């Protein structure tokens, strides 16, 4: 199982960071938290669409489904949360409040 998780991590680490920061945003929608929980549950669950004992296809289904699910969640985020998550994941400083609100 850990080999499968490490292979998937290599594929999705950029998107996973954006998803993590989107989850930490104060306005993060509830469906994002539920969807992320379902993706994690699928990832660690011993039940797969194609069992891992099937050569090649057993791992490939996870390498396709998990990144697609994460990307699907990220694409449905509101623009402000998506921008915040992308800035945090890239290491750029994120302003606490927009300049207009401070002035």
PDB file of N, CA and C in Angstrom:
ATOM      1  N   UNK A   1       0.822  -1.189   0.000  1.00  0.00           N
ATOM      2  CA  UNK A   1       0.000   0.000   0.000  1.00  0.00           C
ATOM      3  C   UNK A   1       0.870   1.259   0.000  1.00  0.00           C
ATOM      4  N   UNK A   2       1.952   1.282   0.788  1.00  0.00           N
ATOM      5  CA  UNK A   2       2.783   2.482   0.861  1.00  0.00           C
ATOM      6  C   UNK A   2       3.499   2.749  -0.457  1.00  0.00           C
ATOM      7  N   UNK A   3       3.814   1.684  -1.182  1.00  0.00           N
ATOM      8  CA  UNK A   3       4.427   1.868  -2.494  1.00  0.00           C
ATOM      9  C   UNK A   3       3.447   2.581  -3.428  1.00  0.00           C
ATOM     10  N   UNK A   4       2.185   2.185  -3.349  1.00  0.00           N
ATOM     11  CA  UNK A   4       1.150   2.811  -4.170  1.00  0.00           C
ATOM     12  C   UNK A   4       0.995   4.280  -3.791  1.00  0.00           C
ATOM     13  N   UNK A   5       0.978   4.569  -2.501  1.00  0.00           N
ATOM     14  CA  UNK A   5       0.823   5.946  -2.037  1.00  0.00           C
ATOM     15  C   UNK A   5       2.013   6.796  -2.478  1.00  0.00           C
ATOM     16  N   UNK A   6       3.226   6.253  -2.388  1.00  0.00           N
ATOM     17  CA  UNK A   6       4.403   7.033  -2.787  1.00  0.00           C
ATOM     18  C   UNK A   6       4.418   7.284  -4.291  1.00  0.00           C
ATOM     19  N   UNK A   7       3.954   6.332  -5.088  1.00  0.00           N
ATOM     20  CA  UNK A   7       3.885   6.544  -6.536  1.00  0.00           C
ATOM     21  C   UNK A   7       2.873   7.637  -6.873  1.00  0.00           C
ATOM     22  N   UNK A   8       1.744   7.614  -6.197  1.00  0.00           N
ATOM     23  CA  UNK A   8       0.718   8.630  -6.442  1.00  0.00           C
ATOM     24  C   UNK A   8       1.217  10.000  -5.989  1.00  0.00           C
ATOM     25  N   UNK A   9       1.958  10.031  -4.868  1.00  0.00           N
ATOM     26  CA  UNK A   9       2.490  11.302  -4.368  1.00  0.00           C
ATOM     27  C   UNK A   9       3.402  11.959  -5.402  1.00  0.00           C
ATOM     28  N   UNK A  10       4.217  11.167  -6.077  1.00  0.00           N
ATOM     29  CA  UNK A  10       5.097  11.721  -7.103  1.00  0.00           C
ATOM     30  C   UNK A  10       4.301  12.382  -8.225  1.00  0.00           C
ATOM     31  N   UNK A  11       3.138  11.847  -8.510  1.00  0.00           N
ATOM     32  CA  UNK A  11       2.310  12.381  -9.596  1.00  0.00           C
ATOM     33  C   UNK A  11       1.552  13.636  -9.159  1.00  0.00           C
ATOM     34  N   UNK A  12       1.073  13.677  -7.926  1.00  0.00           N
ATOM     35  CA  UNK A  12       0.132  14.727  -7.521  1.00  0.00           C
ATOM     36  C   UNK A  12       0.663  15.715  -6.493  1.00  0.00           C
ATOM     37  N   UNK A  13       1.951  15.728  -6.198  1.00  0.00           N
ATOM     38  CA  UNK A  13       2.391  16.549  -5.074  1.00  0.00           C
ATOM     39  C   UNK A  13       2.092  18.037  -5.245  1.00  0.00           C
ATOM     40  N   UNK A  14       2.164  18.583  -6.451  1.00  0.00           N
ATOM     41  CA  UNK A  14       1.822  19.995  -6.649  1.00  0.00           C
ATOM     42  C   UNK A  14       0.349  20.261  -6.394  1.00  0.00           C
ATOM     43  N   UNK A  15      -0.502  19.421  -6.949  1.00  0.00           N
ATOM     44  CA  UNK A  15      -1.942  19.569  -6.729  1.00  0.00           C
ATOM     45  C   UNK A  15      -2.306  19.289  -5.278  1.00  0.00           C
ATOM     46  N   UNK A  16      -1.625  18.351  -4.657  1.00  0.00           N
ATOM     47  CA  UNK A  16      -1.912  18.032  -3.255  1.00  0.00           C
ATOM     48  C   UNK A  16      -1.586  19.221  -2.358  1.00  0.00           C
ATOM     49  N   UNK A  17      -0.510  19.936  -2.656  1.00  0.00           N
ATOM     50  CA  UNK A  17      -0.180  21.129  -1.873  1.00  0.00           C
ATOM     51  C   UNK A  17      -1.259  22.194  -2.042  1.00  0.00           C
ATOM     52  N   UNK A  18      -1.705  22.400  -3.280  1.00  0.00           N
ATOM     53  CA  UNK A  18      -2.766  23.387  -3.512  1.00  0.00           C
ATOM     54  C   UNK A  18      -4.052  22.980  -2.795  1.00  0.00           C
ATOM     55  N   UNK A  19      -4.366  21.696  -2.824  1.00  0.00           N
ATOM     56  CA  UNK A  19      -5.561  21.214  -2.136  1.00  0.00           C
ATOM     57  C   UNK A  19      -5.436  21.427  -0.632  1.00  0.00           C
ATOM     58  N   UNK A  20      -4.260  21.171  -0.087  1.00  0.00           N
ATOM     59  CA  UNK A  20      -4.021  21.350   1.352  1.00  0.00           C
ATOM     60  C   UNK A  20      -4.243  22.810   1.750  1.00  0.00           C
ATOM     61  N   UNK A  21      -3.683  23.734   0.980  1.00  0.00           N
ATOM     62  CA  UNK A  21      -3.845  25.150   1.308  1.00  0.00           C
ATOM     63  C   UNK A  21      -5.278  25.617   1.080  1.00  0.00           C
ATOM     64  N   UNK A  22      -5.962  25.050   0.111  1.00  0.00           N
ATOM     65  CA  UNK A  22      -7.369  25.393  -0.102  1.00  0.00           C
ATOM     66  C   UNK A  22      -8.215  24.911   1.077  1.00  0.00           C
ATOM     67  N   UNK A  23      -7.885  23.750   1.610  1.00  0.00           N
ATOM     68  CA  UNK A  23      -8.614  23.246   2.775  1.00  0.00           C
ATOM     69  C   UNK A  23      -8.410  24.139   3.993  1.00  0.00           C
ATOM     70  N   UNK A  24      -7.242  24.762   4.092  1.00  0.00           N
ATOM     71  CA  UNK A  24      -6.944  25.626   5.229  1.00  0.00           C
ATOM     72  C   UNK A  24      -7.513  27.025   5.115  1.00  0.00           C
ATOM     73  N   UNK A  25      -8.064  27.368   3.968  1.00  0.00           N
ATOM     74  CA  UNK A  25      -8.647  28.698   3.771  1.00  0.00           C
ATOM     75  C   UNK A  25      -9.911  28.814   4.615  1.00  0.00           C
ATOM     76  N   UNK A  26     -10.123  29.964   5.279  1.00  0.00           N
ATOM     77  CA  UNK A  26     -11.307  30.105   6.149  1.00  0.00           C
ATOM     78  C   UNK A  26     -12.640  29.971   5.417  1.00  0.00           C
ATOM     79  N   UNK A  27     -12.678  30.283   4.125  1.00  0.00           N
ATOM     80  CA  UNK A  27     -13.924  30.190   3.365  1.00  0.00           C
ATOM     81  C   UNK A  27     -14.020  28.894   2.570  1.00  0.00           C
ATOM     82  N   UNK A  28     -13.229  27.916   2.933  1.00  0.00           N
ATOM     83  CA  UNK A  28     -13.222  26.626   2.234  1.00  0.00           C
ATOM     84  C   UNK A  28     -14.602  25.976   2.326  1.00  0.00           C
ATOM     85  N   UNK A  29     -15.186  25.587   1.184  1.00  0.00           N
ATOM     86  CA  UNK A  29     -16.532  24.998   1.213  1.00  0.00           C
ATOM     87  C   UNK A  29     -16.539  23.592   1.815  1.00  0.00           C
ATOM     88  N   UNK A  30     -17.664  23.220   2.356  1.00  0.00           N
ATOM     89  CA  UNK A  30     -17.805  21.902   2.970  1.00  0.00           C
ATOM     90  C   UNK A  30     -17.640  20.760   1.988  1.00  0.00           C
ATOM     91  N   UNK A  31     -18.080  20.967   0.741  1.00  0.00           N
ATOM     92  CA  UNK A  31     -17.948  19.898  -0.251  1.00  0.00           C
ATOM     93  C   UNK A  31     -16.485  19.590  -0.546  1.00  0.00           C
ATOM     94  N   UNK A  32     -15.605  20.589  -0.387  1.00  0.00           N
ATOM     95  CA  UNK A  32     -14.178  20.350  -0.615  1.00  0.00           C
ATOM     96  C   UNK A  32     -13.618  19.418   0.458  1.00  0.00           C
ATOM     97  N   UNK A  33     -14.032  19.644   1.682  1.00  0.00           N
ATOM     98  CA  UNK A  33     -13.568  18.782   2.780  1.00  0.00           C
ATOM     99  C   UNK A  33     -14.106  17.366   2.616  1.00  0.00           C
ATOM    100  N   UNK A  34     -15.370  17.240   2.246  1.00  0.00           N
ATOM    101  CA  UNK A  34     -15.958  15.914   2.046  1.00  0.00           C
ATOM    102  C   UNK A  34     -15.314  15.201   0.860  1.00  0.00           C
ATOM    103  N   UNK A  35     -15.095  15.924  -0.232  1.00  0.00           N
ATOM    104  CA  UNK A  35     -14.465  15.329  -1.411  1.00  0.00           C
ATOM    105  C   UNK A  35     -13.044  14.877  -1.133  1.00  0.00           C
ATOM    106  N   UNK A  36     -12.301  15.677  -0.381  1.00  0.00           N
ATOM    107  CA  UNK A  36     -10.932  15.308  -0.022  1.00  0.00           C
ATOM    108  C   UNK A  36     -10.928  14.072   0.862  1.00  0.00           C
ATOM    109  N   UNK A  37     -11.866  14.008   1.791  1.00  0.00           N
ATOM    110  CA  UNK A  37     -11.956  12.824   2.652  1.00  0.00           C
ATOM    111  C   UNK A  37     -12.258  11.575   1.828  1.00  0.00           C
ATOM    112  N   UNK A  38     -13.125  11.700   0.833  1.00  0.00           N
ATOM    113  CA  UNK A  38     -13.443  10.549  -0.021  1.00  0.00           C
ATOM    114  C   UNK A  38     -12.244  10.109  -0.856  1.00  0.00           C
ATOM    115  N   UNK A  39     -11.473  11.069  -1.367  1.00  0.00           N
ATOM    116  CA  UNK A  39     -10.270  10.718  -2.136  1.00  0.00           C
ATOM    117  C   UNK A  39      -9.266   9.996  -1.240  1.00  0.00           C
ATOM    118  N   UNK A  40      -9.069  10.507  -0.030  1.00  0.00           N
ATOM    119  CA  UNK A  40      -8.144   9.847   0.900  1.00  0.00           C
ATOM    120  C   UNK A  40      -8.636   8.462   1.291  1.00  0.00           C
ATOM    121  N   UNK A  41      -9.932   8.332   1.490  1.00  0.00           N
ATOM    122  CA  UNK A  41     -10.501   7.031   1.829  1.00  0.00           C
ATOM    123  C   UNK A  41     -10.288   6.043   0.692  1.00  0.00           C
ATOM    124  N   UNK A  42     -10.487   6.479  -0.542  1.00  0.00           N
ATOM    125  CA  UNK A  42     -10.250   5.602  -1.693  1.00  0.00           C
ATOM    126  C   UNK A  42      -8.779   5.207  -1.772  1.00  0.00           C
ATOM    127  N   UNK A  43      -7.904   6.151  -1.480  1.00  0.00           N
ATOM    128  CA  UNK A  43      -6.470   5.898  -1.585  1.00  0.00           C
ATOM    129  C   UNK A  43      -5.999   4.845  -0.592  1.00  0.00           C
ATOM    130  N   UNK A  44      -6.491   4.884   0.630  1.00  0.00           N
ATOM    131  CA  UNK A  44      -6.030   3.930   1.645  1.00  0.00           C
ATOM    132  C   UNK A  44      -6.913   2.693   1.749  1.00  0.00           C
ATOM    133  N   UNK A  45      -8.033   2.698   1.064  1.00  0.00           N
ATOM    134  CA  UNK A  45      -8.945   1.558   1.115  1.00  0.00           C
ATOM    135  C   UNK A  45      -8.366   0.354   0.376  1.00  0.00           C
ATOM    136  N   UNK A  46      -8.549  -0.826   0.922  1.00  0.00           N
ATOM    137  CA  UNK A  46      -8.084  -2.022   0.217  1.00  0.00           C
ATOM    138  C   UNK A  46      -8.983  -2.386  -0.969  1.00  0.00           C
ATOM    139  N   UNK A  47     -10.134  -1.744  -1.083  1.00  0.00           N
ATOM    140  CA  UNK A  47     -11.060  -2.024  -2.177  1.00  0.00           C
ATOM    141  C   UNK A  47     -10.752  -1.062  -3.323  1.00  0.00           C
ATOM    142  N   UNK A  48     -10.457  -1.587  -4.502  1.00  0.00           N
ATOM    143  CA  UNK A  48     -10.135  -0.792  -5.685  1.00  0.00           C
ATOM    144  C   UNK A  48     -11.083  -1.146  -6.820  1.00  0.00           C
ATOM    145  N   UNK A  49     -11.133  -0.281  -7.820  1.00  0.00           N
ATOM    146  CA  UNK A  49     -11.886  -0.622  -9.027  1.00  0.00           C
ATOM    147  C   UNK A  49     -11.242  -1.813  -9.726  1.00  0.00           C
ATOM    148  N   UNK A  50      -9.921  -1.783  -9.814  1.00  0.00           N
ATOM    149  CA  UNK A  50      -9.154  -2.905 -10.359  1.00  0.00           C
ATOM    150  C   UNK A  50      -8.181  -3.325  -9.265  1.00  0.00           C
ATOM    151  N   UNK A  51      -8.260  -4.557  -8.771  1.00  0.00           N
ATOM    152  CA  UNK A  51      -7.385  -4.986  -7.674  1.00  0.00           C
ATOM    153  C   UNK A  51      -5.904  -4.838  -8.030  1.00  0.00           C
ATOM    154  N   UNK A  52      -5.086  -4.551  -7.020  1.00  0.00           N
ATOM    155  CA  UNK A  52      -3.656  -4.349  -7.238  1.00  0.00           C
ATOM    156  C   UNK A  52      -2.930  -5.615  -7.665  1.00  0.00           C
ATOM    157  N   UNK A  53      -3.552  -6.770  -7.497  1.00  0.00           N
ATOM    158  CA  UNK A  53      -2.896  -8.013  -7.912  1.00  0.00           C
ATOM    159  C   UNK A  53      -2.893  -8.177  -9.428  1.00  0.00           C
ATOM    160  N   UNK A  54      -3.733  -7.428 -10.141  1.00  0.00           N
ATOM    161  CA  UNK A  54      -3.728  -7.463 -11.604  1.00  0.00           C
ATOM    162  C   UNK A  54      -2.490  -6.688 -12.061  1.00  0.00           C
ATOM    163  N   UNK A  55      -1.597  -7.336 -12.791  1.00  0.00           N
ATOM    164  CA  UNK A  55      -0.358  -6.661 -13.188  1.00  0.00           C
ATOM    165  C   UNK A  55      -0.623  -5.368 -13.955  1.00  0.00           C
ATOM    166  N   UNK A  56       0.103  -4.359 -13.620  1.00  0.00           N
ATOM    167  CA  UNK A  56       0.110  -3.026 -14.228  1.00  0.00           C
ATOM    168  C   UNK A  56      -1.214  -2.280 -14.034  1.00  0.00           C
ATOM    169  N   UNK A  57      -2.323  -2.850 -14.448  1.00  0.00           N
ATOM    170  CA  UNK A  57      -3.613  -2.157 -14.351  1.00  0.00           C
ATOM    171  C   UNK A  57      -4.033  -1.884 -12.912  1.00  0.00           C
ATOM    172  N   UNK A  58      -3.611  -2.727 -11.988  1.00  0.00           N
ATOM    173  CA  UNK A  58      -3.997  -2.554 -10.594  1.00  0.00           C
ATOM    174  C   UNK A  58      -3.478  -1.265  -9.988  1.00  0.00           C
ATOM    175  N   UNK A  59      -2.293  -0.851 -10.388  1.00  0.00           N
ATOM    176  CA  UNK A  59      -1.715   0.392  -9.878  1.00  0.00           C
ATOM    177  C   UNK A  59      -2.091   1.572 -10.769  1.00  0.00           C
ATOM    178  N   UNK A  60      -2.212   1.325 -12.056  1.00  0.00           N
ATOM    179  CA  UNK A  60      -2.503   2.403 -13.000  1.00  0.00           C
ATOM    180  C   UNK A  60      -3.863   3.035 -12.717  1.00  0.00           C
ATOM    181  N   UNK A  61      -4.838   2.254 -12.290  1.00  0.00           N
ATOM    182  CA  UNK A  61      -6.143   2.860 -12.011  1.00  0.00           C
ATOM    183  C   UNK A  61      -6.030   3.883 -10.889  1.00  0.00           C
ATOM    184  N   UNK A  62      -5.220   3.597  -9.863  1.00  0.00           N
ATOM    185  CA  UNK A  62      -5.022   4.566  -8.789  1.00  0.00           C
ATOM    186  C   UNK A  62      -4.245   5.784  -9.280  1.00  0.00           C
ATOM    187  N   UNK A  63      -3.279   5.562 -10.155  1.00  0.00           N
ATOM    188  CA  UNK A  63      -2.484   6.669 -10.690  1.00  0.00           C
ATOM    189  C   UNK A  63      -3.298   7.571 -11.605  1.00  0.00           C
ATOM    190  N   UNK A  64      -4.448   7.105 -12.045  1.00  0.00           N
ATOM    191  CA  UNK A  64      -5.319   7.920 -12.894  1.00  0.00           C
ATOM    192  C   UNK A  64      -6.453   8.531 -12.074  1.00  0.00           C
ATOM    193  N   UNK A  65      -7.101   7.735 -11.253  1.00  0.00           N
ATOM    194  CA  UNK A  65      -8.294   8.191 -10.530  1.00  0.00           C
ATOM    195  C   UNK A  65      -7.971   9.259  -9.489  1.00  0.00           C
ATOM    196  N   UNK A  66      -6.951   9.036  -8.672  1.00  0.00           N
ATOM    197  CA  UNK A  66      -6.646   9.983  -7.592  1.00  0.00           C
ATOM    198  C   UNK A  66      -6.237  11.354  -8.141  1.00  0.00           C
ATOM    199  N   UNK A  67      -5.291  11.445  -9.096  1.00  0.00           N
ATOM    200  CA  UNK A  67      -4.968  12.780  -9.631  1.00  0.00           C
ATOM    201  C   UNK A  67      -6.154  13.460 -10.313  1.00  0.00           C
ATOM    202  N   UNK A  68      -6.972  12.683 -11.019  1.00  0.00           N
ATOM    203  CA  UNK A  68      -8.144  13.276 -11.670  1.00  0.00           C
ATOM    204  C   UNK A  68      -9.132  13.806 -10.638  1.00  0.00           C
ATOM    205  N   UNK A  69      -9.320  13.084  -9.554  1.00  0.00           N
ATOM    206  CA  UNK A  69     -10.248  13.531  -8.512  1.00  0.00           C
ATOM    207  C   UNK A  69      -9.737  14.801  -7.832  1.00  0.00           C
ATOM    208  N   UNK A  70      -8.440  14.846  -7.557  1.00  0.00           N
ATOM    209  CA  UNK A  70      -7.867  16.043  -6.934  1.00  0.00           C
ATOM    210  C   UNK A  70      -7.989  17.234  -7.874  1.00  0.00           C
ATOM    211  N   UNK A  71      -7.671  17.045  -9.142  1.00  0.00           N
ATOM    212  CA  UNK A  71      -7.767  18.136 -10.117  1.00  0.00           C
ATOM    213  C   UNK A  71      -9.218  18.585 -10.268  1.00  0.00           C
ATOM    214  N   UNK A  72     -10.154  17.640 -10.237  1.00  0.00           N
ATOM    215  CA  UNK A  72     -11.572  17.970 -10.344  1.00  0.00           C
ATOM    216  C   UNK A  72     -11.994  18.860  -9.175  1.00  0.00           C
ATOM    217  N   UNK A  73     -11.556  18.509  -7.966  1.00  0.00           N
ATOM    218  CA  UNK A  73     -11.881  19.323  -6.794  1.00  0.00           C
ATOM    219  C   UNK A  73     -11.287  20.726  -6.922  1.00  0.00           C
ATOM    220  N   UNK A  74     -10.027  20.805  -7.347  1.00  0.00           N
ATOM    221  CA  UNK A  74      -9.366  22.106  -7.467  1.00  0.00           C
ATOM    222  C   UNK A  74     -10.023  22.984  -8.530  1.00  0.00           C
ATOM    223  N   UNK A  75     -10.470  22.391  -9.614  1.00  0.00           N
ATOM    224  CA  UNK A  75     -11.092  23.170 -10.690  1.00  0.00           C
ATOM    225  C   UNK A  75     -12.445  23.743 -10.291  1.00  0.00           C
ATOM    226  N   UNK A  76     -13.076  23.207  -9.285  1.00  0.00           N
ATOM    227  CA  UNK A  76     -14.386  23.681  -8.861  1.00  0.00           C
ATOM    228  C   UNK A  76     -14.329  24.667  -7.696  1.00  0.00           C
ATOM    229  N   UNK A  77     -13.122  25.020  -7.289  1.00  0.00           N
ATOM    230  CA  UNK A  77     -12.978  25.984  -6.198  1.00  0.00           C
ATOM    231  C   UNK A  77     -13.371  27.386  -6.649  1.00  0.00           C
ATOM    232  N   UNK A  78     -13.897  28.189  -5.737  1.00  0.00           N
ATOM    233  CA  UNK A  78     -14.098  29.602  -6.060  1.00  0.00           C
ATOM    234  C   UNK A  78     -12.746  30.256  -6.386  1.00  0.00           C
ATOM    235  N   UNK A  79     -12.771  31.273  -7.224  1.00  0.00           N
ATOM    236  CA  UNK A  79     -11.533  31.885  -7.723  1.00  0.00           C
ATOM    237  C   UNK A  79     -10.637  32.407  -6.600  1.00  0.00           C
ATOM    238  N   UNK A  80     -11.225  33.039  -5.582  1.00  0.00           N
ATOM    239  CA  UNK A  80     -10.388  33.607  -4.522  1.00  0.00           C
ATOM    240  C   UNK A  80      -9.665  32.519  -3.726  1.00  0.00           C
ATOM    241  N   UNK A  81     -10.317  31.404  -3.491  1.00  0.00           N
ATOM    242  CA  UNK A  81      -9.677  30.307  -2.756  1.00  0.00           C
ATOM    243  C   UNK A  81      -8.617  29.646  -3.630  1.00  0.00           C
ATOM    244  N   UNK A  82      -8.904  29.481  -4.905  1.00  0.00           N
ATOM    245  CA  UNK A  82      -7.929  28.879  -5.824  1.00  0.00           C
ATOM    246  C   UNK A  82      -6.669  29.735  -5.909  1.00  0.00           C
ATOM    247  N   UNK A  83      -6.838  31.052  -6.046  1.00  0.00           N
ATOM    248  CA  UNK A  83      -5.687  31.953  -6.134  1.00  0.00           C
ATOM    249  C   UNK A  83      -4.875  31.933  -4.847  1.00  0.00           C
ATOM    250  N   UNK A  84      -5.561  31.915  -3.710  1.00  0.00           N
ATOM    251  CA  UNK A  84      -4.881  31.854  -2.415  1.00  0.00           C
ATOM    252  C   UNK A  84      -4.061  30.566  -2.305  1.00  0.00           C
ATOM    253  N   UNK A  85      -4.653  29.453  -2.674  1.00  0.00           N
ATOM    254  CA  UNK A  85      -3.968  28.161  -2.578  1.00  0.00           C
ATOM    255  C   UNK A  85      -2.776  28.094  -3.525  1.00  0.00           C
ATOM    256  N   UNK A  86      -2.926  28.623  -4.740  1.00  0.00           N
ATOM    257  CA  UNK A  86      -1.817  28.609  -5.696  1.00  0.00           C
ATOM    258  C   UNK A  86      -0.668  29.483  -5.218  1.00  0.00           C
ATOM    259  N   UNK A  87      -0.989  30.633  -4.636  1.00  0.00           N
ATOM    260  CA  UNK A  87       0.061  31.512  -4.123  1.00  0.00           C
ATOM    261  C   UNK A  87       0.799  30.856  -2.960  1.00  0.00           C
ATOM    262  N   UNK A  88       0.063  30.260  -2.042  1.00  0.00           N
ATOM    263  CA  UNK A  88       0.706  29.589  -0.898  1.00  0.00           C
ATOM    264  C   UNK A  88       1.551  28.410  -1.344  1.00  0.00           C
ATOM    265  N   UNK A  89       1.059  27.632  -2.303  1.00  0.00           N
ATOM    266  CA  UNK A  89       1.794  26.451  -2.768  1.00  0.00           C
ATOM    267  C   UNK A  89       3.068  26.835  -3.505  1.00  0.00           C
ATOM    268  N   UNK A  90       3.063  27.988  -4.158  1.00  0.00           N
ATOM    269  CA  UNK A  90       4.255  28.417  -4.889  1.00  0.00           C
ATOM    270  C   UNK A  90       5.239  29.161  -3.994  1.00  0.00           C
ATOM    271  N   UNK A  91       4.864  29.418  -2.744  1.00  0.00           N
ATOM    272  CA  UNK A  91       5.765  30.075  -1.805  1.00  0.00           C
ATOM    273  C   UNK A  91       5.675  31.586  -1.812  1.00  0.00           C
ATOM    274  N   UNK A  92       4.726  32.145  -2.540  1.00  0.00           N
ATOM    275  CA  UNK A  92       4.556  33.596  -2.578  1.00  0.00           C
ATOM    276  C   UNK A  92       3.854  34.051  -1.305  1.00  0.00           C
ATOM    277  N   UNK A  93       4.211  35.230  -0.796  1.00  0.00           N
ATOM    278  CA  UNK A  93       3.499  35.733   0.384  1.00  0.00           C
ATOM    279  C   UNK A  93       2.058  36.089   0.023  1.00  0.00           C
ATOM    280  N   UNK A  94       1.169  35.819   0.946  1.00  0.00           N
ATOM    281  CA  UNK A  94      -0.250  36.074   0.719  1.00  0.00           C
ATOM    282  C   UNK A  94      -0.684  37.168   1.677  1.00  0.00           C
ATOM    283  N   UNK A  95      -1.267  38.237   1.129  1.00  0.00           N
ATOM    284  CA  UNK A  95      -1.743  39.339   1.957  1.00  0.00           C
ATOM    285  C   UNK A  95      -2.946  38.887   2.768  1.00  0.00           C
ATOM    286  N   UNK A  96      -3.010  39.332   4.009  1.00  0.00           N
ATOM    287  CA  UNK A  96      -4.124  38.964   4.878  1.00  0.00           C
ATOM    288  C   UNK A  96      -5.422  39.597   4.384  1.00  0.00           C
ATOM    289  N   UNK A  97      -5.344  40.858   3.946  1.00  0.00           N
ATOM    290  CA  UNK A  97      -6.520  41.556   3.439  1.00  0.00           C
ATOM    291  C   UNK A  97      -6.134  42.276   2.157  1.00  0.00           C
ATOM    292  N   UNK A  98      -7.076  42.408   1.233  1.00  0.00           N
ATOM    293  CA  UNK A  98      -6.787  43.195   0.034  1.00  0.00           C
ATOM    294  C   UNK A  98      -6.472  44.642   0.393  1.00  0.00           C
ATOM    295  N   UNK A  99      -5.708  45.314  -0.433  1.00  0.00           N
ATOM    296  CA  UNK A  99      -5.270  46.682  -0.171  1.00  0.00           C
ATOM    297  C   UNK A  99      -6.455  47.625  -0.026  1.00  0.00           C
ATOM    298  N   UNK A 100      -7.511  47.426  -0.804  1.00  0.00           N
ATOM    299  CA  UNK A 100      -8.670  48.310  -0.741  1.00  0.00           C
ATOM    300  C   UNK A 100      -9.305  48.304   0.646  1.00  0.00           C
ATOM    301  N   UNK A 101      -9.319  47.138   1.315  1.00  0.00           N
ATOM    302  CA  UNK A 101      -9.948  47.046   2.630  1.00  0.00           C
ATOM    303  C   UNK A 101      -9.112  47.737   3.691  1.00  0.00           C
ATOM    304  N   UNK A 102      -7.797  47.751   3.547  1.00  0.00           N
ATOM    305  CA  UNK A 102      -6.919  48.363   4.534  1.00  0.00           C
ATOM    306  C   UNK A 102      -7.031  49.876   4.475  1.00  0.00           C
ATOM    307  N   UNK A 103      -7.131  50.424   3.269  1.00  0.00           N
ATOM    308  CA  UNK A 103      -7.225  51.878   3.115  1.00  0.00           C
ATOM    309  C   UNK A 103      -8.617  52.296   3.421  1.00  0.00           C
TER     310      UNK A 103
END
